[in-house]
Amino acid sequence: GMYQHDVNPKKLNESLENVVEDVVNSVGVDLNTASPSLLQYVAGLTKSTAEKIVALREKIGRFMSRKQLMEVDGIGQQTFLQCAGFLKVYDGEEPMDAMFIHPESYEGTYSLLEKLNVSLKNTELIKLALKNKNIRKIAEETGLGEFTMKDILDSLEKPDRDIRDSLDPVIFKKGVVNLDDIKEGMMLQGKVTNVVDFGAFVDLGLKNDGLVHISHLADKFIKHPSDVVSVGDNVSVRVLSVDKDRGRVSLTMKSR
């Protein structure tokens, strides 16, 4: 609009890139229809690998599985593991390629389904099959771990879920678009994007998520971060430190 020239174009661009990156990595991308400009925002991919993916797709007609990403020049094991979970293949050889389940967990997921006597064709029976079952024990036996298994069960029960449907919008602090804008002691609003054993990652509207270490999630002692936060929660955080060289922001949710 008429004020656009007042906005620093570089900052505006960074803000928009962050938004696209967040959406792409929380919603996923259709590997067979996405453009190179969208693919480059997927975790682990660059402009160059995105273009090569599309080139291979044009050559072979369409991807039939996530595994075929390994045929793309420039995508090795490491990159594959980073990006595969966000790239979806619909109507392909492997039904899980269309879900938010990482290829590394396929084996464990099949073993989970076997234990529950459920097939991928009738995943709506999962809830029933889980009744009176020891979830922790199943998680151990399948090698999935409890938190991964909960995510997988969600994905299986709602294979076409769109995480956007269930999230409240978060209002990011105005004027904070990159690390230079962040100062120690600043209070910020964010959204929890990932919960791991050592803490929780929080999207602050920047390129990189900030980290709240488990020791800073609550005033009291907690056994696991998931006791106090889950993915999608809107949280208030205070900045503890900013490491510009490594692009890291340490946060706390303690009252003081």
Protein backbone atom coordinates (compact mmCIF):
# COMPACT_ATOMS: atom_id res chain seq x y z
CA GLY A 1 0.00 0.00 0.00
CA MET A 2 1.03 3.63 0.26
CA TYR A 3 3.30 3.01 3.24
CA GLN A 4 5.25 0.23 1.62
CA HIS A 5 8.21 2.49 0.87
CA ASP A 6 8.56 3.18 4.61
CA VAL A 7 9.27 -0.48 5.27
CA ASN A 8 12.83 -1.73 5.05
CA PRO A 9 12.53 -4.12 2.04
CA LYS A 10 15.21 -6.46 3.40
CA LYS A 11 13.36 -6.76 6.72
CA LEU A 12 10.01 -7.22 5.00
CA ASN A 13 11.52 -9.94 2.85
CA GLU A 14 13.00 -11.70 5.89
CA SER A 15 9.63 -11.56 7.65
CA LEU A 16 7.87 -13.09 4.67
CA GLU A 17 10.52 -15.76 4.27
CA ASN A 18 10.13 -16.73 7.92
CA VAL A 19 6.37 -17.05 7.51
CA VAL A 20 6.70 -19.25 4.41
CA GLU A 21 9.34 -21.40 6.10
CA ASP A 22 7.15 -21.91 9.19
CA VAL A 23 4.10 -22.84 7.16
CA VAL A 24 6.02 -25.20 4.89
CA ASN A 25 7.62 -27.01 7.81
CA SER A 26 4.44 -27.33 9.86
CA VAL A 27 2.09 -28.26 7.04
CA GLY A 28 4.31 -30.14 4.62
CA VAL A 29 4.61 -29.84 0.85
CA ASP A 30 3.31 -32.02 -1.98
CA LEU A 31 6.48 -33.34 -3.61
CA ASN A 32 4.70 -33.75 -6.95
CA THR A 33 3.25 -30.27 -7.30
CA ALA A 34 5.49 -27.89 -5.32
CA SER A 35 7.48 -25.27 -7.21
CA PRO A 36 11.24 -24.85 -6.69
CA SER A 37 10.58 -21.52 -4.94
CA LEU A 38 8.41 -23.31 -2.35
CA LEU A 39 10.63 -26.39 -2.02
CA GLN A 40 13.69 -24.29 -1.11
CA TYR A 41 12.00 -23.39 2.20
CA VAL A 42 11.81 -27.03 3.30
CA ALA A 43 14.27 -27.89 6.09
CA GLY A 44 17.53 -29.16 4.58
CA LEU A 45 16.88 -27.99 1.00
CA THR A 46 18.51 -25.13 -0.89
CA LYS A 47 17.55 -23.26 -4.05
CA SER A 48 19.83 -25.58 -6.00
CA THR A 49 18.51 -28.89 -4.59
CA ALA A 50 14.93 -27.61 -4.98
CA GLU A 51 15.56 -26.99 -8.69
CA LYS A 52 17.13 -30.43 -9.08
CA ILE A 53 14.11 -32.08 -7.45
CA VAL A 54 11.80 -30.44 -9.97
CA ALA A 55 14.13 -31.36 -12.85
CA LEU A 56 14.06 -35.03 -11.81
CA ARG A 57 10.27 -34.88 -11.37
CA GLU A 58 9.87 -33.56 -14.91
CA LYS A 59 12.11 -36.33 -16.19
CA ILE A 60 10.37 -39.25 -14.42
CA GLY A 61 6.81 -37.90 -14.59
CA ARG A 62 6.14 -37.99 -10.85
CA PHE A 63 7.67 -39.21 -7.61
CA MET A 64 6.21 -42.52 -6.45
CA SER A 65 8.00 -42.47 -3.09
CA ARG A 66 10.04 -40.28 -0.76
CA LYS A 67 12.93 -42.71 -1.26
CA GLN A 68 13.36 -41.43 -4.82
CA LEU A 69 14.64 -38.16 -3.35
CA MET A 70 17.93 -40.02 -2.88
CA GLU A 71 18.27 -40.06 -6.69
CA VAL A 72 18.44 -36.27 -6.74
CA ASP A 73 21.96 -34.97 -7.27
CA GLY A 74 23.03 -33.22 -4.07
CA ILE A 75 20.67 -35.07 -1.72
CA GLY A 76 22.59 -37.49 0.45
CA GLN A 77 21.48 -39.45 3.50
CA GLN A 78 21.77 -36.46 5.85
CA THR A 79 19.73 -34.08 3.68
CA PHE A 80 17.19 -36.82 3.01
CA LEU A 81 16.65 -37.36 6.74
CA GLN A 82 16.25 -33.62 7.24
CA CYS A 83 13.74 -32.93 4.46
CA ALA A 84 11.85 -36.19 3.85
CA GLY A 85 9.35 -35.80 6.69
CA PHE A 86 8.04 -32.52 5.24
CA LEU A 87 7.69 -33.73 1.65
CA LYS A 88 4.52 -35.69 0.97
CA VAL A 89 3.85 -38.16 -1.82
CA TYR A 90 0.15 -38.85 -2.33
CA ASP A 91 -1.09 -42.05 -4.05
CA GLY A 92 2.42 -43.44 -4.14
CA GLU A 93 3.96 -46.81 -3.31
CA GLU A 94 4.10 -46.17 0.45
CA PRO A 95 0.94 -44.82 2.17
CA MET A 96 3.03 -43.30 4.98
CA ASP A 97 4.76 -41.05 2.44
CA ALA A 98 1.55 -38.99 2.48
CA MET A 99 1.59 -38.60 6.25
CA PHE A 100 3.56 -36.67 8.84
CA ILE A 101 5.59 -39.76 9.66
CA HIS A 102 9.34 -39.73 9.14
CA PRO A 103 10.79 -42.53 6.96
CA GLU A 104 13.06 -43.45 9.88
CA SER A 105 9.93 -44.41 11.82
CA TYR A 106 8.21 -46.52 9.15
CA GLU A 107 9.54 -49.80 10.45
CA GLY A 108 8.48 -49.00 14.01
CA THR A 109 5.09 -47.80 12.77
CA TYR A 110 4.41 -51.05 10.93
CA SER A 111 5.41 -52.98 14.02
CA LEU A 112 3.06 -50.74 16.05
CA LEU A 113 0.15 -51.45 13.67
CA GLU A 114 0.91 -55.15 13.85
CA LYS A 115 0.80 -55.07 17.66
CA LEU A 116 -2.55 -53.29 17.52
CA ASN A 117 -3.88 -55.61 14.81
CA VAL A 118 -4.75 -52.62 12.64
CA SER A 119 -3.88 -52.08 8.99
CA LEU A 120 -3.14 -48.78 7.26
CA LYS A 121 -6.51 -49.11 5.54
CA ASN A 122 -8.51 -48.96 8.78
CA THR A 123 -6.53 -46.61 11.00
CA GLU A 124 -9.77 -45.22 12.47
CA LEU A 125 -9.78 -48.37 14.63
CA ILE A 126 -6.58 -47.32 16.40
CA LYS A 127 -8.30 -45.59 19.33
CA LEU A 128 -10.30 -48.74 20.01
CA ALA A 129 -7.24 -50.95 19.66
CA LEU A 130 -5.30 -48.82 22.17
CA LYS A 131 -7.88 -49.31 24.92
CA ASN A 132 -6.36 -51.05 27.96
CA LYS A 133 -2.95 -51.22 26.28
CA ASN A 134 0.26 -50.14 28.01
CA ILE A 135 1.40 -47.33 25.71
CA ARG A 136 4.82 -47.00 27.33
CA LYS A 137 5.49 -50.72 26.85
CA ILE A 138 4.42 -50.64 23.19
CA ALA A 139 6.61 -47.58 22.60
CA GLU A 140 9.60 -49.49 23.99
CA GLU A 141 8.86 -52.67 22.05
CA THR A 142 8.50 -50.86 18.74
CA GLY A 143 11.60 -48.75 19.43
CA LEU A 144 9.65 -45.59 18.66
CA GLY A 145 9.76 -43.87 22.04
CA GLU A 146 6.67 -42.48 23.68
CA PHE A 147 6.63 -38.97 22.21
CA THR A 148 7.36 -40.05 18.64
CA MET A 149 4.70 -42.71 19.01
CA LYS A 150 2.08 -40.18 20.12
CA ASP A 151 2.82 -38.06 17.04
CA ILE A 152 2.64 -41.13 14.81
CA LEU A 153 -0.69 -42.20 16.30
CA ASP A 154 -2.02 -38.69 15.59
CA SER A 155 -0.83 -38.88 12.00
CA LEU A 156 -2.33 -42.34 11.52
CA GLU A 157 -5.70 -41.38 12.99
CA LYS A 158 -5.89 -38.17 10.96
CA PRO A 159 -3.72 -38.78 7.91
CA ASP A 160 -4.92 -35.64 6.15
CA ARG A 161 -4.84 -33.40 9.21
CA ASP A 162 -3.67 -29.89 8.62
CA ILE A 163 -1.93 -28.59 11.70
CA ARG A 164 -3.15 -25.08 10.77
CA ASP A 165 -6.76 -26.01 11.56
CA SER A 166 -6.08 -26.46 15.24
CA LEU A 167 -3.63 -23.65 15.98
CA ASP A 168 -4.50 -20.24 17.36
CA PRO A 169 -2.60 -17.50 15.59
CA VAL A 170 0.30 -16.11 17.58
CA ILE A 171 0.94 -12.37 17.64
CA PHE A 172 4.69 -11.84 17.21
CA LYS A 173 6.33 -8.72 18.61
CA LYS A 174 6.37 -5.94 16.03
CA GLY A 175 9.81 -4.92 14.83
CA VAL A 176 11.41 -8.26 15.65
CA VAL A 177 12.44 -9.88 12.38
CA ASN A 178 16.02 -10.93 12.92
CA LEU A 179 18.55 -11.59 15.67
CA ASP A 180 19.75 -7.98 15.73
CA ASP A 181 16.30 -6.92 16.95
CA ILE A 182 16.44 -9.21 19.98
CA LYS A 183 17.84 -8.01 23.28
CA GLU A 184 18.45 -9.82 26.56
CA GLY A 185 15.55 -9.46 28.97
CA MET A 186 13.02 -8.79 26.21
CA MET A 187 9.58 -10.38 26.66
CA LEU A 188 8.29 -12.12 23.53
CA GLN A 189 5.29 -14.14 22.39
CA GLY A 190 5.96 -17.36 20.54
CA LYS A 191 4.57 -20.71 19.53
CA VAL A 192 6.02 -24.08 20.56
CA THR A 193 7.16 -25.92 17.41
CA ASN A 194 8.94 -28.92 18.87
CA VAL A 195 9.23 -30.60 22.26
CA VAL A 196 12.36 -32.68 22.89
CA ASP A 197 13.88 -34.33 25.96
CA PHE A 198 16.08 -31.33 26.78
CA GLY A 199 13.55 -28.55 26.24
CA ALA A 200 11.17 -26.87 23.82
CA PHE A 201 11.76 -24.95 20.60
CA VAL A 202 9.72 -21.78 20.21
CA ASP A 203 8.95 -19.92 17.00
CA LEU A 204 9.48 -16.19 17.60
CA GLY A 205 8.82 -15.13 14.02
CA LEU A 206 12.55 -15.32 13.20
CA LYS A 207 14.47 -17.59 10.85
CA ASN A 208 15.61 -19.77 13.76
CA ASP A 209 13.49 -20.99 16.64
CA GLY A 210 14.55 -20.11 20.18
CA LEU A 211 15.18 -22.79 22.79
CA VAL A 212 13.74 -22.99 26.29
CA HIS A 213 15.95 -25.47 28.14
CA ILE A 214 14.08 -27.91 30.41
CA SER A 215 15.56 -26.13 33.46
CA HIS A 216 13.85 -22.91 32.31
CA LEU A 217 10.39 -24.20 31.44
CA ALA A 218 8.85 -23.83 34.88
CA ASP A 219 9.55 -22.48 38.35
CA LYS A 220 9.25 -26.00 39.73
CA PHE A 221 11.18 -29.15 38.81
CA ILE A 222 9.67 -31.06 35.87
CA LYS A 223 10.49 -34.55 34.61
CA HIS A 224 9.90 -33.87 30.93
CA PRO A 225 9.16 -30.73 28.88
CA SER A 226 5.88 -32.30 27.70
CA ASP A 227 4.62 -32.00 31.29
CA VAL A 228 4.25 -28.25 30.77
CA VAL A 229 4.17 -27.54 27.01
CA SER A 230 3.04 -29.16 23.81
CA VAL A 231 3.45 -28.35 20.12
CA GLY A 232 1.17 -25.50 19.07
CA ASP A 233 1.04 -23.82 22.50
CA ASN A 234 1.30 -20.03 22.51
CA VAL A 235 3.82 -19.04 25.18
CA SER A 236 5.35 -15.92 26.74
CA VAL A 237 9.12 -16.10 27.00
CA ARG A 238 11.96 -13.89 28.18
CA VAL A 239 15.25 -13.70 26.27
CA LEU A 240 18.21 -15.02 28.29
CA SER A 241 20.92 -14.70 25.66
CA VAL A 242 21.48 -14.27 21.94
CA ASP A 243 24.33 -15.98 20.10
CA LYS A 244 24.40 -14.18 16.75
CA ASP A 245 27.29 -16.21 15.33
CA ARG A 246 25.43 -19.48 15.75
CA GLY A 247 21.98 -18.00 15.26
CA ARG A 248 20.77 -19.20 18.67
CA VAL A 249 18.38 -17.63 21.13
CA SER A 250 18.10 -18.97 24.70
CA LEU A 251 14.78 -18.34 26.38
CA THR A 252 13.15 -18.82 29.76
CA MET A 253 9.55 -19.26 30.87
CA LYS A 254 10.38 -18.89 34.57
CA SER A 255 8.66 -16.02 36.34
CA ARG A 256 12.07 -14.63 37.36
